[in-house]
Amino acid sequence: MKKLINVLALTAAMFTVPVFASPHKDAPEMTPAGSCEAAAAEKKLYGAAQTSFLEKCRRTAPKSACETKASEKKLSGAARTSFLEKCRKTEPKSACEIKAAEKKLAGAAETSFLKKCHADSAAAAASGAASAGK
């Protein structure tokens, strides 16, 4: 029984690894972290394949400008945290954040608005890309 399980696990690993190792036009390199889930859904990945894809995608996703600067300066601990907080306050805001500020939203209302706004803009971008590809 153990041999059968080992053979099945090895076979599954052999078929899964080439999918992620091969260069493909939809490979997750340089994909913004928020779109990793969208890319996994587009590829119709489920279970272990989806988990593996999302981990690799998030690991290779570009960092924010502030995180990149902190890494370049080799900051760590409290100095890094302080630098990131200050940097994020001066970082340019997204269109959704600007709209939320104009509406003077705060707390749960702001969080809900931003979540919906980002989802709507991602869906609009995806549908625009799909129609451009036709």
C-alpha atoms as a PDB file:
ATOM      1  CA  MET A   1       0.000   0.000   0.000  1.00  0.00           C
ATOM      2  CA  LYS A   2       2.847   2.394   0.858  1.00  0.00           C
ATOM      3  CA  LYS A   3       4.518   1.662  -2.469  1.00  0.00           C
ATOM      4  CA  LEU A   4       1.307   2.475  -4.319  1.00  0.00           C
ATOM      5  CA  ILE A   5       0.966   5.799  -2.486  1.00  0.00           C
ATOM      6  CA  ASN A   6       4.614   6.648  -3.157  1.00  0.00           C
ATOM      7  CA  VAL A   7       4.243   5.805  -6.858  1.00  0.00           C
ATOM      8  CA  LEU A   8       1.099   7.945  -7.134  1.00  0.00           C
ATOM      9  CA  ALA A   9       2.758  10.864  -5.329  1.00  0.00           C
ATOM     10  CA  LEU A  10       5.825  10.636  -7.539  1.00  0.00           C
ATOM     11  CA  THR A  11       3.691  10.475 -10.676  1.00  0.00           C
ATOM     12  CA  ALA A  12       1.681  13.514  -9.593  1.00  0.00           C
ATOM     13  CA  ALA A  13       4.892  15.426  -8.875  1.00  0.00           C
ATOM     14  CA  MET A  14       6.318  14.572 -12.286  1.00  0.00           C
ATOM     15  CA  PHE A  15       3.267  15.954 -14.062  1.00  0.00           C
ATOM     16  CA  THR A  16       2.908  19.047 -11.864  1.00  0.00           C
ATOM     17  CA  VAL A  17       6.515  20.304 -11.877  1.00  0.00           C
ATOM     18  CA  PRO A  18       6.880  20.782 -15.675  1.00  0.00           C
ATOM     19  CA  VAL A  19       3.747  22.935 -15.734  1.00  0.00           C
ATOM     20  CA  PHE A  20       5.361  25.493 -13.440  1.00  0.00           C
ATOM     21  CA  ALA A  21       8.915  25.111 -14.703  1.00  0.00           C
ATOM     22  CA  SER A  22       8.213  25.652 -18.380  1.00  0.00           C
ATOM     23  CA  PRO A  23       8.221  29.176 -19.763  1.00  0.00           C
ATOM     24  CA  HIS A  24       4.759  30.082 -20.878  1.00  0.00           C
ATOM     25  CA  LYS A  25       3.214  33.241 -22.209  1.00  0.00           C
ATOM     26  CA  ASP A  26       0.974  33.453 -19.117  1.00  0.00           C
ATOM     27  CA  ALA A  27       3.769  32.785 -16.631  1.00  0.00           C
ATOM     28  CA  PRO A  28       3.394  34.673 -13.329  1.00  0.00           C
ATOM     29  CA  GLU A  29       6.647  36.640 -13.604  1.00  0.00           C
ATOM     30  CA  MET A  30       6.229  40.318 -12.827  1.00  0.00           C
ATOM     31  CA  THR A  31       2.502  39.965 -12.135  1.00  0.00           C
ATOM     32  CA  PRO A  32       1.096  42.381  -9.553  1.00  0.00           C
ATOM     33  CA  ALA A  33       0.267  40.471  -6.374  1.00  0.00           C
ATOM     34  CA  GLY A  34      -3.459  41.238  -6.585  1.00  0.00           C
ATOM     35  CA  SER A  35      -3.761  39.652  -9.986  1.00  0.00           C
ATOM     36  CA  CYS A  36      -2.236  36.310  -8.966  1.00  0.00           C
ATOM     37  CA  GLU A  37      -5.700  35.076  -7.997  1.00  0.00           C
ATOM     38  CA  ALA A  38      -7.098  36.316 -11.308  1.00  0.00           C
ATOM     39  CA  ALA A  39      -4.352  34.531 -13.227  1.00  0.00           C
ATOM     40  CA  ALA A  40      -5.025  31.291 -11.308  1.00  0.00           C
ATOM     41  CA  ALA A  41      -8.747  31.582 -12.044  1.00  0.00           C
ATOM     42  CA  GLU A  42      -8.050  32.283 -15.719  1.00  0.00           C
ATOM     43  CA  LYS A  43      -5.896  29.151 -15.902  1.00  0.00           C
ATOM     44  CA  LYS A  44      -8.663  27.228 -14.080  1.00  0.00           C
ATOM     45  CA  LEU A  45      -6.278  25.920 -11.421  1.00  0.00           C
ATOM     46  CA  TYR A  46      -7.621  24.131  -8.352  1.00  0.00           C
ATOM     47  CA  GLY A  47      -6.235  22.382  -5.293  1.00  0.00           C
ATOM     48  CA  ALA A  48      -2.500  21.838  -4.964  1.00  0.00           C
ATOM     49  CA  ALA A  49      -1.772  23.266  -8.415  1.00  0.00           C
ATOM     50  CA  GLN A  50      -3.535  26.515  -7.494  1.00  0.00           C
ATOM     51  CA  THR A  51      -1.758  26.730  -4.134  1.00  0.00           C
ATOM     52  CA  SER A  52       1.632  26.176  -5.719  1.00  0.00           C
ATOM     53  CA  PHE A  53       0.919  28.691  -8.492  1.00  0.00           C
ATOM     54  CA  LEU A  54      -0.251  31.362  -6.029  1.00  0.00           C
ATOM     55  CA  GLU A  55       2.799  30.897  -3.788  1.00  0.00           C
ATOM     56  CA  LYS A  56       5.181  31.247  -6.732  1.00  0.00           C
ATOM     57  CA  CYS A  57       3.248  34.171  -8.177  1.00  0.00           C
ATOM     58  CA  ARG A  58       3.236  36.083  -4.884  1.00  0.00           C
ATOM     59  CA  ARG A  59       6.911  35.333  -4.333  1.00  0.00           C
ATOM     60  CA  THR A  60       7.874  36.688  -7.768  1.00  0.00           C
ATOM     61  CA  ALA A  61       5.394  39.585  -7.799  1.00  0.00           C
ATOM     62  CA  PRO A  62       6.994  43.026  -7.822  1.00  0.00           C
ATOM     63  CA  LYS A  63       7.228  44.773  -4.464  1.00  0.00           C
ATOM     64  CA  SER A  64       5.915  48.256  -3.827  1.00  0.00           C
ATOM     65  CA  ALA A  65       8.270  51.146  -4.449  1.00  0.00           C
ATOM     66  CA  CYS A  66       8.599  51.711  -0.695  1.00  0.00           C
ATOM     67  CA  GLU A  67       9.567  48.097  -0.003  1.00  0.00           C
ATOM     68  CA  THR A  68      12.133  48.234  -2.795  1.00  0.00           C
ATOM     69  CA  LYS A  69      13.665  51.410  -1.331  1.00  0.00           C
ATOM     70  CA  ALA A  70      13.777  49.876   2.155  1.00  0.00           C
ATOM     71  CA  SER A  71      15.541  46.797   0.769  1.00  0.00           C
ATOM     72  CA  GLU A  72      18.037  48.958  -1.125  1.00  0.00           C
ATOM     73  CA  LYS A  73      18.832  50.809   2.097  1.00  0.00           C
ATOM     74  CA  LYS A  74      19.114  47.436   3.885  1.00  0.00           C
ATOM     75  CA  LEU A  75      16.712  48.513   6.637  1.00  0.00           C
ATOM     76  CA  SER A  76      15.339  46.002   9.110  1.00  0.00           C
ATOM     77  CA  GLY A  77      13.236  45.875  12.257  1.00  0.00           C
ATOM     78  CA  ALA A  78      11.816  49.097  13.670  1.00  0.00           C
ATOM     79  CA  ALA A  79      13.776  51.282  11.234  1.00  0.00           C
ATOM     80  CA  ARG A  80      12.225  49.424   8.292  1.00  0.00           C
ATOM     81  CA  THR A  81       8.717  49.613   9.768  1.00  0.00           C
ATOM     82  CA  SER A  82       9.054  53.338  10.438  1.00  0.00           C
ATOM     83  CA  PHE A  83      10.460  53.981   6.961  1.00  0.00           C
ATOM     84  CA  LEU A  84       7.651  52.008   5.287  1.00  0.00           C
ATOM     85  CA  GLU A  85       4.918  53.819   7.242  1.00  0.00           C
ATOM     86  CA  LYS A  86       6.359  57.222   6.320  1.00  0.00           C
ATOM     87  CA  CYS A  87       6.954  56.216   2.702  1.00  0.00           C
ATOM     88  CA  ARG A  88       3.429  54.835   2.241  1.00  0.00           C
ATOM     89  CA  LYS A  89       1.929  58.114   3.491  1.00  0.00           C
ATOM     90  CA  THR A  90       3.773  60.021   0.769  1.00  0.00           C
ATOM     91  CA  GLU A  91       3.229  57.353  -1.912  1.00  0.00           C
ATOM     92  CA  PRO A  92       0.859  58.351  -4.740  1.00  0.00           C
ATOM     93  CA  LYS A  93      -2.690  57.184  -4.094  1.00  0.00           C
ATOM     94  CA  SER A  94      -4.741  55.021  -6.421  1.00  0.00           C
ATOM     95  CA  ALA A  95      -7.819  56.411  -8.157  1.00  0.00           C
ATOM     96  CA  CYS A  96     -10.009  54.499  -5.702  1.00  0.00           C
ATOM     97  CA  GLU A  97      -8.221  56.010  -2.685  1.00  0.00           C
ATOM     98  CA  ILE A  98      -8.636  59.491  -4.164  1.00  0.00           C
ATOM     99  CA  LYS A  99     -12.394  58.897  -4.657  1.00  0.00           C
ATOM    100  CA  ALA A 100     -12.714  57.627  -1.065  1.00  0.00           C
ATOM    101  CA  ALA A 101     -10.943  60.754   0.219  1.00  0.00           C
ATOM    102  CA  GLU A 102     -13.221  62.986  -1.857  1.00  0.00           C
ATOM    103  CA  LYS A 103     -16.252  61.251  -0.350  1.00  0.00           C
ATOM    104  CA  LYS A 104     -14.651  61.644   3.115  1.00  0.00           C
ATOM    105  CA  LEU A 105     -15.100  57.951   3.897  1.00  0.00           C
ATOM    106  CA  ALA A 106     -13.486  56.399   6.974  1.00  0.00           C
ATOM    107  CA  GLY A 107     -13.360  53.075   8.782  1.00  0.00           C
ATOM    108  CA  ALA A 108     -15.471  50.194   7.528  1.00  0.00           C
ATOM    109  CA  ALA A 109     -17.196  52.339   4.889  1.00  0.00           C
ATOM    110  CA  GLU A 110     -13.820  53.273   3.386  1.00  0.00           C
ATOM    111  CA  THR A 111     -12.572  49.688   3.507  1.00  0.00           C
ATOM    112  CA  SER A 112     -15.719  48.384   1.837  1.00  0.00           C
ATOM    113  CA  PHE A 113     -15.638  51.108  -0.818  1.00  0.00           C
ATOM    114  CA  LEU A 114     -11.964  50.492  -1.620  1.00  0.00           C
ATOM    115  CA  LYS A 115     -12.451  46.733  -1.827  1.00  0.00           C
ATOM    116  CA  LYS A 116     -15.367  47.113  -4.257  1.00  0.00           C
ATOM    117  CA  CYS A 117     -13.619  49.834  -6.255  1.00  0.00           C
ATOM    118  CA  HIS A 118     -10.427  47.787  -6.696  1.00  0.00           C
ATOM    119  CA  ALA A 119     -12.458  44.708  -7.678  1.00  0.00           C
ATOM    120  CA  ASP A 120     -14.460  46.737 -10.212  1.00  0.00           C
ATOM    121  CA  SER A 121     -11.340  48.291 -11.724  1.00  0.00           C
ATOM    122  CA  ALA A 122      -9.644  44.869 -11.956  1.00  0.00           C
ATOM    123  CA  ALA A 123     -12.723  43.415 -13.653  1.00  0.00           C
ATOM    124  CA  ALA A 124     -12.853  46.348 -16.067  1.00  0.00           C
ATOM    125  CA  ALA A 125      -9.174  45.916 -16.900  1.00  0.00           C
ATOM    126  CA  ALA A 126      -9.655  42.175 -17.442  1.00  0.00           C
ATOM    127  CA  SER A 127     -12.649  42.687 -19.720  1.00  0.00           C
ATOM    128  CA  GLY A 128     -10.788  45.415 -21.608  1.00  0.00           C
ATOM    129  CA  ALA A 129      -7.820  43.101 -22.121  1.00  0.00           C
ATOM    130  CA  ALA A 130     -10.118  40.291 -23.256  1.00  0.00           C
ATOM    131  CA  SER A 131     -11.877  42.508 -25.802  1.00  0.00           C
ATOM    132  CA  ALA A 132      -8.531  43.868 -27.040  1.00  0.00           C
ATOM    133  CA  GLY A 133      -7.330  40.313 -27.664  1.00  0.00           C
ATOM    134  CA  LYS A 134     -10.271  39.510 -29.981  1.00  0.00           C
END
